[in-house]
Amino acid sequence: MQVNNKMLKPNDNKDEFLYPRSRYYGQVKPENLIFNANLQEFAHKVGYITALETSGKTSPHEAYKQIKGLWKQLKRSKKALKTSEPPSV
C-alpha cells in the first residue's frame, strides 16, 4: 500500500491509524519539533484516558491523576527543551 508516495509495511497502517501525527507548521527547530511530538503524544493519551473514563472503565479521580501526571511530564519536557516562546506583539 502507498500513502503520500511511500510504501507502507502492514503494521505501519495500523500505527498511523492508532497514532496519527499532524504536520508541524511552526518555526522549524529541533526543540520545537520534539516538543510538538510530545504535545501530540500528550493529546493522544488524554483522548484514551477520557474515553476510558467516559465508558466507565476508570474512575474520574484516576483519570484526573493520570492526566495531571501527563501534564507535569509535558511541562518538564518543555522546560528541558527550552522551546522558544512566541514573540510578544
N, C-alpha and C. Protein backbone atom coordinates (compact mmCIF):
# COMPACT_ATOMS: atom_id res chain seq x y z
N MET A 1 0.84 -1.18 0.00
CA MET A 1 0.00 0.00 0.00
C MET A 1 0.88 1.24 0.00
N GLN A 2 0.46 2.26 -0.74
CA GLN A 2 1.21 3.52 -0.76
C GLN A 2 0.38 4.63 -0.15
N VAL A 3 1.02 5.45 0.66
CA VAL A 3 0.40 6.64 1.23
C VAL A 3 1.42 7.76 1.08
N ASN A 4 1.01 8.86 0.47
CA ASN A 4 1.90 10.00 0.26
C ASN A 4 3.22 9.57 -0.39
N ASN A 5 3.14 8.74 -1.42
CA ASN A 5 4.29 8.29 -2.19
C ASN A 5 5.31 7.50 -1.38
N LYS A 6 4.91 6.85 -0.30
CA LYS A 6 5.83 5.98 0.43
C LYS A 6 5.18 4.63 0.63
N MET A 7 5.99 3.61 0.59
CA MET A 7 5.50 2.25 0.78
C MET A 7 5.28 1.98 2.26
N LEU A 8 4.15 1.38 2.58
CA LEU A 8 3.84 1.07 3.97
C LEU A 8 3.96 -0.42 4.22
N LYS A 9 4.51 -0.77 5.36
CA LYS A 9 4.52 -2.15 5.82
C LYS A 9 3.17 -2.42 6.46
N PRO A 10 2.77 -3.67 6.62
CA PRO A 10 1.45 -3.96 7.21
C PRO A 10 1.20 -3.28 8.55
N ASN A 11 2.20 -3.22 9.44
CA ASN A 11 2.00 -2.60 10.74
C ASN A 11 1.99 -1.08 10.68
N ASP A 12 2.57 -0.48 9.64
CA ASP A 12 2.58 0.98 9.52
C ASP A 12 1.17 1.53 9.44
N ASN A 13 0.31 0.85 8.68
CA ASN A 13 -1.06 1.31 8.52
C ASN A 13 -1.77 1.35 9.87
N LYS A 14 -1.59 0.30 10.67
CA LYS A 14 -2.20 0.25 12.00
C LYS A 14 -1.63 1.36 12.88
N ASP A 15 -0.30 1.52 12.86
CA ASP A 15 0.33 2.54 13.69
C ASP A 15 -0.11 3.95 13.30
N GLU A 16 -0.21 4.19 12.00
CA GLU A 16 -0.67 5.51 11.56
C GLU A 16 -2.11 5.76 11.96
N PHE A 17 -2.91 4.70 12.00
CA PHE A 17 -4.30 4.85 12.42
C PHE A 17 -4.39 5.10 13.93
N LEU A 18 -3.64 4.33 14.71
CA LEU A 18 -3.70 4.46 16.17
C LEU A 18 -2.96 5.68 16.69
N TYR A 19 -1.88 6.05 16.02
CA TYR A 19 -1.04 7.16 16.49
C TYR A 19 -0.79 8.15 15.36
N PRO A 20 -1.84 8.81 14.88
CA PRO A 20 -1.63 9.75 13.77
C PRO A 20 -0.79 10.94 14.21
N ARG A 21 -0.01 11.45 13.30
CA ARG A 21 0.81 12.63 13.55
C ARG A 21 0.36 13.74 12.61
N SER A 22 0.16 14.91 13.16
CA SER A 22 -0.19 16.06 12.34
C SER A 22 1.08 16.77 11.90
N ARG A 23 0.98 17.44 10.80
CA ARG A 23 2.12 18.20 10.27
C ARG A 23 2.42 19.38 11.18
N TYR A 24 3.70 19.73 11.27
CA TYR A 24 4.12 20.86 12.10
C TYR A 24 4.28 22.08 11.20
N TYR A 25 3.68 23.20 11.59
CA TYR A 25 3.71 24.42 10.78
C TYR A 25 4.52 25.55 11.41
N GLY A 26 5.08 25.33 12.59
CA GLY A 26 5.80 26.39 13.28
C GLY A 26 7.22 26.56 12.78
N GLN A 27 7.99 27.31 13.56
CA GLN A 27 9.39 27.55 13.25
C GLN A 27 10.15 26.22 13.39
N VAL A 28 10.84 25.82 12.33
CA VAL A 28 11.49 24.51 12.31
C VAL A 28 12.82 24.59 13.05
N LYS A 29 12.79 24.10 14.27
CA LYS A 29 13.98 23.97 15.11
C LYS A 29 13.85 22.62 15.80
N PRO A 30 14.95 21.94 16.06
CA PRO A 30 14.85 20.62 16.68
C PRO A 30 14.02 20.59 17.96
N GLU A 31 14.22 21.57 18.84
CA GLU A 31 13.48 21.56 20.10
C GLU A 31 11.98 21.77 19.89
N ASN A 32 11.62 22.56 18.87
CA ASN A 32 10.20 22.77 18.58
C ASN A 32 9.56 21.51 18.01
N LEU A 33 10.29 20.81 17.15
CA LEU A 33 9.78 19.57 16.58
C LEU A 33 9.59 18.50 17.64
N ILE A 34 10.55 18.40 18.55
CA ILE A 34 10.46 17.41 19.62
C ILE A 34 9.29 17.74 20.54
N PHE A 35 9.16 19.03 20.91
CA PHE A 35 8.05 19.41 21.78
C PHE A 35 6.71 19.16 21.09
N ASN A 36 6.63 19.43 19.79
CA ASN A 36 5.40 19.18 19.06
C ASN A 36 5.03 17.71 19.10
N ALA A 37 6.02 16.83 18.94
CA ALA A 37 5.77 15.39 19.02
C ALA A 37 5.29 15.01 20.42
N ASN A 38 5.92 15.60 21.46
CA ASN A 38 5.50 15.33 22.84
C ASN A 38 4.08 15.82 23.08
N LEU A 39 3.75 16.98 22.53
CA LEU A 39 2.41 17.54 22.70
C LEU A 39 1.36 16.67 22.01
N GLN A 40 1.67 16.17 20.82
CA GLN A 40 0.73 15.29 20.13
C GLN A 40 0.54 13.98 20.90
N GLU A 41 1.62 13.46 21.45
CA GLU A 41 1.52 12.24 22.25
C GLU A 41 0.65 12.48 23.49
N PHE A 42 0.84 13.64 24.14
CA PHE A 42 0.03 14.02 25.29
C PHE A 42 -1.46 14.03 24.90
N ALA A 43 -1.76 14.66 23.77
CA ALA A 43 -3.15 14.76 23.33
C ALA A 43 -3.76 13.38 23.07
N HIS A 44 -2.99 12.49 22.46
CA HIS A 44 -3.50 11.14 22.19
C HIS A 44 -3.78 10.40 23.50
N LYS A 45 -2.85 10.49 24.43
CA LYS A 45 -3.04 9.79 25.71
C LYS A 45 -4.22 10.35 26.48
N VAL A 46 -4.39 11.66 26.47
CA VAL A 46 -5.55 12.27 27.14
C VAL A 46 -6.83 11.77 26.49
N GLY A 47 -6.83 11.65 25.18
CA GLY A 47 -8.01 11.12 24.48
C GLY A 47 -8.36 9.72 24.93
N TYR A 48 -7.34 8.86 25.07
CA TYR A 48 -7.58 7.49 25.54
C TYR A 48 -8.10 7.49 26.98
N ILE A 49 -7.49 8.29 27.82
CA ILE A 49 -7.89 8.34 29.24
C ILE A 49 -9.34 8.82 29.36
N THR A 50 -9.68 9.87 28.62
CA THR A 50 -11.05 10.38 28.72
C THR A 50 -12.05 9.37 28.15
N ALA A 51 -11.66 8.63 27.12
CA ALA A 51 -12.56 7.59 26.59
C ALA A 51 -12.78 6.50 27.63
N LEU A 52 -11.71 6.10 28.32
CA LEU A 52 -11.85 5.09 29.37
C LEU A 52 -12.73 5.58 30.51
N GLU A 53 -12.59 6.84 30.88
CA GLU A 53 -13.40 7.40 31.97
C GLU A 53 -14.86 7.51 31.53
N THR A 54 -15.08 7.98 30.31
CA THR A 54 -16.45 8.12 29.81
C THR A 54 -17.17 6.79 29.73
N SER A 55 -16.43 5.74 29.38
CA SER A 55 -17.06 4.41 29.25
C SER A 55 -17.15 3.68 30.58
N GLY A 56 -16.66 4.30 31.65
CA GLY A 56 -16.77 3.70 32.98
C GLY A 56 -15.67 2.70 33.30
N LYS A 57 -14.64 2.63 32.48
CA LYS A 57 -13.54 1.68 32.72
C LYS A 57 -12.55 2.19 33.76
N THR A 58 -12.55 3.47 34.02
CA THR A 58 -11.70 4.06 35.06
C THR A 58 -12.49 5.16 35.76
N SER A 59 -12.11 5.46 36.97
CA SER A 59 -12.84 6.47 37.75
C SER A 59 -12.42 7.87 37.33
N PRO A 60 -13.28 8.86 37.58
CA PRO A 60 -12.90 10.24 37.28
C PRO A 60 -11.64 10.65 38.04
N HIS A 61 -11.52 10.19 39.29
CA HIS A 61 -10.35 10.55 40.10
C HIS A 61 -9.08 9.97 39.48
N GLU A 62 -9.13 8.71 39.05
CA GLU A 62 -7.96 8.07 38.43
C GLU A 62 -7.61 8.75 37.11
N ALA A 63 -8.63 9.09 36.31
CA ALA A 63 -8.39 9.78 35.04
C ALA A 63 -7.72 11.13 35.30
N TYR A 64 -8.21 11.84 36.31
CA TYR A 64 -7.61 13.13 36.65
C TYR A 64 -6.15 12.97 37.05
N LYS A 65 -5.86 11.97 37.89
CA LYS A 65 -4.48 11.74 38.32
C LYS A 65 -3.57 11.43 37.14
N GLN A 66 -4.06 10.60 36.23
CA GLN A 66 -3.24 10.24 35.07
C GLN A 66 -2.98 11.44 34.17
N ILE A 67 -4.02 12.24 33.92
CA ILE A 67 -3.85 13.42 33.06
C ILE A 67 -2.94 14.44 33.74
N LYS A 68 -3.09 14.61 35.05
CA LYS A 68 -2.22 15.54 35.77
C LYS A 68 -0.76 15.10 35.66
N GLY A 69 -0.50 13.80 35.77
CA GLY A 69 0.86 13.28 35.62
C GLY A 69 1.41 13.52 34.22
N LEU A 70 0.57 13.30 33.22
CA LEU A 70 1.00 13.56 31.84
C LEU A 70 1.30 15.04 31.63
N TRP A 71 0.47 15.91 32.23
CA TRP A 71 0.68 17.35 32.10
C TRP A 71 2.02 17.76 32.72
N LYS A 72 2.32 17.23 33.90
CA LYS A 72 3.59 17.54 34.54
C LYS A 72 4.77 17.06 33.68
N GLN A 73 4.61 15.89 33.09
CA GLN A 73 5.65 15.35 32.22
C GLN A 73 5.86 16.26 31.00
N LEU A 74 4.77 16.76 30.43
CA LEU A 74 4.85 17.66 29.28
C LEU A 74 5.54 18.97 29.67
N LYS A 75 5.19 19.50 30.84
CA LYS A 75 5.82 20.74 31.30
C LYS A 75 7.32 20.55 31.50
N ARG A 76 7.71 19.39 32.07
CA ARG A 76 9.14 19.12 32.27
C ARG A 76 9.86 19.03 30.93
N SER A 77 9.22 18.41 29.95
CA SER A 77 9.87 18.29 28.64
C SER A 77 10.03 19.65 27.99
N LYS A 78 9.05 20.53 28.15
CA LYS A 78 9.14 21.88 27.59
C LYS A 78 10.28 22.64 28.24
N LYS A 79 10.35 22.52 29.55
CA LYS A 79 11.42 23.22 30.28
C LYS A 79 12.79 22.67 29.88
N ALA A 80 12.91 21.36 29.75
CA ALA A 80 14.18 20.74 29.39
C ALA A 80 14.61 21.13 27.98
N LEU A 81 13.65 21.27 27.09
CA LEU A 81 13.96 21.63 25.71
C LEU A 81 14.18 23.13 25.55
N LYS A 82 13.67 23.90 26.51
CA LYS A 82 13.77 25.36 26.45
C LYS A 82 13.28 25.89 25.12
N THR A 83 12.06 25.47 24.74
CA THR A 83 11.49 25.92 23.48
C THR A 83 11.28 27.42 23.52
N SER A 84 11.46 28.03 22.38
CA SER A 84 11.33 29.48 22.32
C SER A 84 9.87 29.88 22.45
N GLU A 85 9.66 30.94 23.16
CA GLU A 85 8.31 31.48 23.33
C GLU A 85 7.98 32.31 22.11
N PRO A 86 6.71 32.36 21.73
CA PRO A 86 6.36 33.20 20.59
C PRO A 86 6.62 34.67 20.91
N PRO A 87 7.03 35.46 19.93
CA PRO A 87 7.31 36.88 20.21
C PRO A 87 6.05 37.60 20.65
N SER A 88 6.19 38.48 21.63
CA SER A 88 5.03 39.24 22.09
C SER A 88 4.77 40.38 21.12
N VAL A 89 3.49 40.68 20.94
CA VAL A 89 3.11 41.71 19.97
C VAL A 89 2.82 43.00 20.68
